[in-house]
Amino acid sequence: MALACPRIGDTERMLRRRKAEGLMAQALYEPLSEHDAAFLEAYLHEHPAAREEMDALRRVVAGMPAERPPLNTDLIPAVRVRIEEEARTPEWLSLIHISEPTRPY
């Protein structure tokens, strides 16, 4: 049985999609170069679903606060407690009793 190989067009489409997805993420947070912006715009023009996804991502980012709110507490004690809790033996494990194997005499 011969293994199916992707067609060259499929590989090219996959690589273009990966590039476009990376540029979509980058464009949300910083300006793209002219070359990258032109590539992304052409890709979004050819793929309406990707355009919708980009629009949705822009709405999500627009709804996020521009700056982080100040954190007025030290999280280190809480993190240490959680690490200690995770390191303890789970309760259900103490309910299991493994007896010694019986040995014939």
C-alpha atoms as a PDB file:
ATOM      1  CA  MET A   1       0.000   0.000   0.000  1.00  0.00           C
ATOM      2  CA  ALA A   2       1.474   3.324  -1.016  1.00  0.00           C
ATOM      3  CA  LEU A   3       1.501   6.189   1.444  1.00  0.00           C
ATOM      4  CA  ALA A   4      -0.489   9.211   0.406  1.00  0.00           C
ATOM      5  CA  CYS A   5       1.635  12.283  -0.122  1.00  0.00           C
ATOM      6  CA  PRO A   6       0.180  15.755   0.129  1.00  0.00           C
ATOM      7  CA  ARG A   7      -0.035  17.579  -3.143  1.00  0.00           C
ATOM      8  CA  ILE A   8       2.324  20.478  -3.604  1.00  0.00           C
ATOM      9  CA  GLY A   9      -0.593  22.902  -3.612  1.00  0.00           C
ATOM     10  CA  ASP A  10      -1.758  21.548  -0.246  1.00  0.00           C
ATOM     11  CA  THR A  11       1.658  22.125   1.303  1.00  0.00           C
ATOM     12  CA  GLU A  12       1.825  25.645  -0.083  1.00  0.00           C
ATOM     13  CA  ARG A  13      -1.656  26.420   1.273  1.00  0.00           C
ATOM     14  CA  MET A  14      -0.678  25.053   4.672  1.00  0.00           C
ATOM     15  CA  LEU A  15       2.481  27.172   4.789  1.00  0.00           C
ATOM     16  CA  ARG A  16       0.569  30.300   3.732  1.00  0.00           C
ATOM     17  CA  ARG A  17      -2.038  29.639   6.411  1.00  0.00           C
ATOM     18  CA  ARG A  18       0.618  29.236   9.098  1.00  0.00           C
ATOM     19  CA  LYS A  19       2.280  32.461   8.023  1.00  0.00           C
ATOM     20  CA  ALA A  20      -1.067  34.280   7.982  1.00  0.00           C
ATOM     21  CA  GLU A  21      -1.982  32.997  11.466  1.00  0.00           C
ATOM     22  CA  GLY A  22       1.322  34.249  12.849  1.00  0.00           C
ATOM     23  CA  LEU A  23       0.839  37.619  11.207  1.00  0.00           C
ATOM     24  CA  MET A  24      -2.730  37.817  12.499  1.00  0.00           C
ATOM     25  CA  ALA A  25      -1.474  37.396  16.060  1.00  0.00           C
ATOM     26  CA  GLN A  26       1.359  39.853  15.538  1.00  0.00           C
ATOM     27  CA  ALA A  27      -0.953  42.445  13.973  1.00  0.00           C
ATOM     28  CA  LEU A  28      -3.088  42.466  17.111  1.00  0.00           C
ATOM     29  CA  TYR A  29      -0.235  43.890  19.173  1.00  0.00           C
ATOM     30  CA  GLU A  30       2.158  45.692  16.836  1.00  0.00           C
ATOM     31  CA  PRO A  31       2.312  47.160  13.357  1.00  0.00           C
ATOM     32  CA  LEU A  32       3.361  44.854  10.519  1.00  0.00           C
ATOM     33  CA  SER A  33       5.958  45.653   7.897  1.00  0.00           C
ATOM     34  CA  GLU A  34       4.542  46.774   4.547  1.00  0.00           C
ATOM     35  CA  HIS A  35       5.376  43.392   3.022  1.00  0.00           C
ATOM     36  CA  ASP A  36       3.719  41.418   5.839  1.00  0.00           C
ATOM     37  CA  ALA A  37       0.695  43.714   5.924  1.00  0.00           C
ATOM     38  CA  ALA A  38       0.210  43.272   2.178  1.00  0.00           C
ATOM     39  CA  PHE A  39       0.517  39.491   2.504  1.00  0.00           C
ATOM     40  CA  LEU A  40      -1.997  39.388   5.359  1.00  0.00           C
ATOM     41  CA  GLU A  41      -4.474  41.658   3.601  1.00  0.00           C
ATOM     42  CA  ALA A  42      -4.324  39.519   0.452  1.00  0.00           C
ATOM     43  CA  TYR A  43      -4.771  36.354   2.514  1.00  0.00           C
ATOM     44  CA  LEU A  44      -7.763  37.787   4.394  1.00  0.00           C
ATOM     45  CA  HIS A  45      -9.280  38.924   1.093  1.00  0.00           C
ATOM     46  CA  GLU A  46      -8.980  35.365  -0.290  1.00  0.00           C
ATOM     47  CA  HIS A  47     -10.247  33.685   2.896  1.00  0.00           C
ATOM     48  CA  PRO A  48     -13.427  35.245   4.326  1.00  0.00           C
ATOM     49  CA  ALA A  49     -13.427  32.870   7.322  1.00  0.00           C
ATOM     50  CA  ALA A  50      -9.949  34.086   8.261  1.00  0.00           C
ATOM     51  CA  ARG A  51     -11.178  37.684   7.911  1.00  0.00           C
ATOM     52  CA  GLU A  52     -14.046  36.917  10.307  1.00  0.00           C
ATOM     53  CA  GLU A  53     -11.615  35.309  12.741  1.00  0.00           C
ATOM     54  CA  MET A  54      -9.325  38.340  12.575  1.00  0.00           C
ATOM     55  CA  ASP A  55     -12.249  40.679  13.197  1.00  0.00           C
ATOM     56  CA  ALA A  56     -13.312  38.589  16.204  1.00  0.00           C
ATOM     57  CA  LEU A  57      -9.767  38.631  17.590  1.00  0.00           C
ATOM     58  CA  ARG A  58      -9.616  42.400  17.186  1.00  0.00           C
ATOM     59  CA  ARG A  59     -12.873  42.744  19.144  1.00  0.00           C
ATOM     60  CA  VAL A  60     -11.475  40.582  21.958  1.00  0.00           C
ATOM     61  CA  VAL A  61      -8.254  42.576  22.151  1.00  0.00           C
ATOM     62  CA  ALA A  62     -10.185  45.861  22.012  1.00  0.00           C
ATOM     63  CA  GLY A  63     -12.229  44.734  25.012  1.00  0.00           C
ATOM     64  CA  MET A  64      -9.135  44.038  27.117  1.00  0.00           C
ATOM     65  CA  PRO A  65      -7.836  46.715  29.457  1.00  0.00           C
ATOM     66  CA  ALA A  66      -4.918  48.645  27.996  1.00  0.00           C
ATOM     67  CA  GLU A  67      -2.875  48.287  31.160  1.00  0.00           C
ATOM     68  CA  ARG A  68      -2.693  45.684  33.851  1.00  0.00           C
ATOM     69  CA  PRO A  69      -4.388  46.658  37.076  1.00  0.00           C
ATOM     70  CA  PRO A  70      -1.964  46.988  39.995  1.00  0.00           C
ATOM     71  CA  LEU A  71      -1.593  43.894  42.129  1.00  0.00           C
ATOM     72  CA  ASN A  72      -1.667  44.870  45.777  1.00  0.00           C
ATOM     73  CA  THR A  73      -0.742  41.534  47.265  1.00  0.00           C
ATOM     74  CA  ASP A  74       2.139  39.126  47.453  1.00  0.00           C
ATOM     75  CA  LEU A  75       1.220  35.865  45.727  1.00  0.00           C
ATOM     76  CA  ILE A  76       4.270  33.890  46.872  1.00  0.00           C
ATOM     77  CA  PRO A  77       2.647  32.546  50.106  1.00  0.00           C
ATOM     78  CA  ALA A  78      -0.437  31.379  48.209  1.00  0.00           C
ATOM     79  CA  VAL A  79       1.691  29.726  45.555  1.00  0.00           C
ATOM     80  CA  ARG A  80       3.772  27.926  48.210  1.00  0.00           C
ATOM     81  CA  VAL A  81       0.637  26.605  49.920  1.00  0.00           C
ATOM     82  CA  ARG A  82      -0.688  25.314  46.596  1.00  0.00           C
ATOM     83  CA  ILE A  83       2.604  23.606  45.790  1.00  0.00           C
ATOM     84  CA  GLU A  84       2.597  21.920  49.199  1.00  0.00           C
ATOM     85  CA  GLU A  85      -1.006  20.792  48.717  1.00  0.00           C
ATOM     86  CA  GLU A  86      -0.185  19.302  45.327  1.00  0.00           C
ATOM     87  CA  ALA A  87       2.848  17.500  46.771  1.00  0.00           C
ATOM     88  CA  ARG A  88       0.818  15.724  49.473  1.00  0.00           C
ATOM     89  CA  THR A  89      -0.473  12.228  48.943  1.00  0.00           C
ATOM     90  CA  PRO A  90      -3.991  12.314  47.528  1.00  0.00           C
ATOM     91  CA  GLU A  91      -6.737  11.284  49.965  1.00  0.00           C
ATOM     92  CA  TRP A  92      -7.937   8.403  47.816  1.00  0.00           C
ATOM     93  CA  LEU A  93      -4.467   6.832  47.907  1.00  0.00           C
ATOM     94  CA  SER A  94      -4.688   6.332  51.692  1.00  0.00           C
ATOM     95  CA  LEU A  95      -7.889   4.312  51.186  1.00  0.00           C
ATOM     96  CA  ILE A  96      -6.090   1.677  49.165  1.00  0.00           C
ATOM     97  CA  HIS A  97      -4.567  -1.140  51.195  1.00  0.00           C
ATOM     98  CA  ILE A  98      -2.179  -3.485  49.520  1.00  0.00           C
ATOM     99  CA  SER A  99      -1.702  -6.626  51.536  1.00  0.00           C
ATOM    100  CA  GLU A 100       1.359  -8.836  51.551  1.00  0.00           C
ATOM    101  CA  PRO A 101       1.127 -11.659  49.065  1.00  0.00           C
ATOM    102  CA  THR A 102       0.351 -14.982  50.648  1.00  0.00           C
ATOM    103  CA  ARG A 103       3.117 -17.509  50.450  1.00  0.00           C
ATOM    104  CA  PRO A 104       2.522 -21.197  50.178  1.00  0.00           C
ATOM    105  CA  TYR A 105       4.159 -23.236  52.975  1.00  0.00           C
END
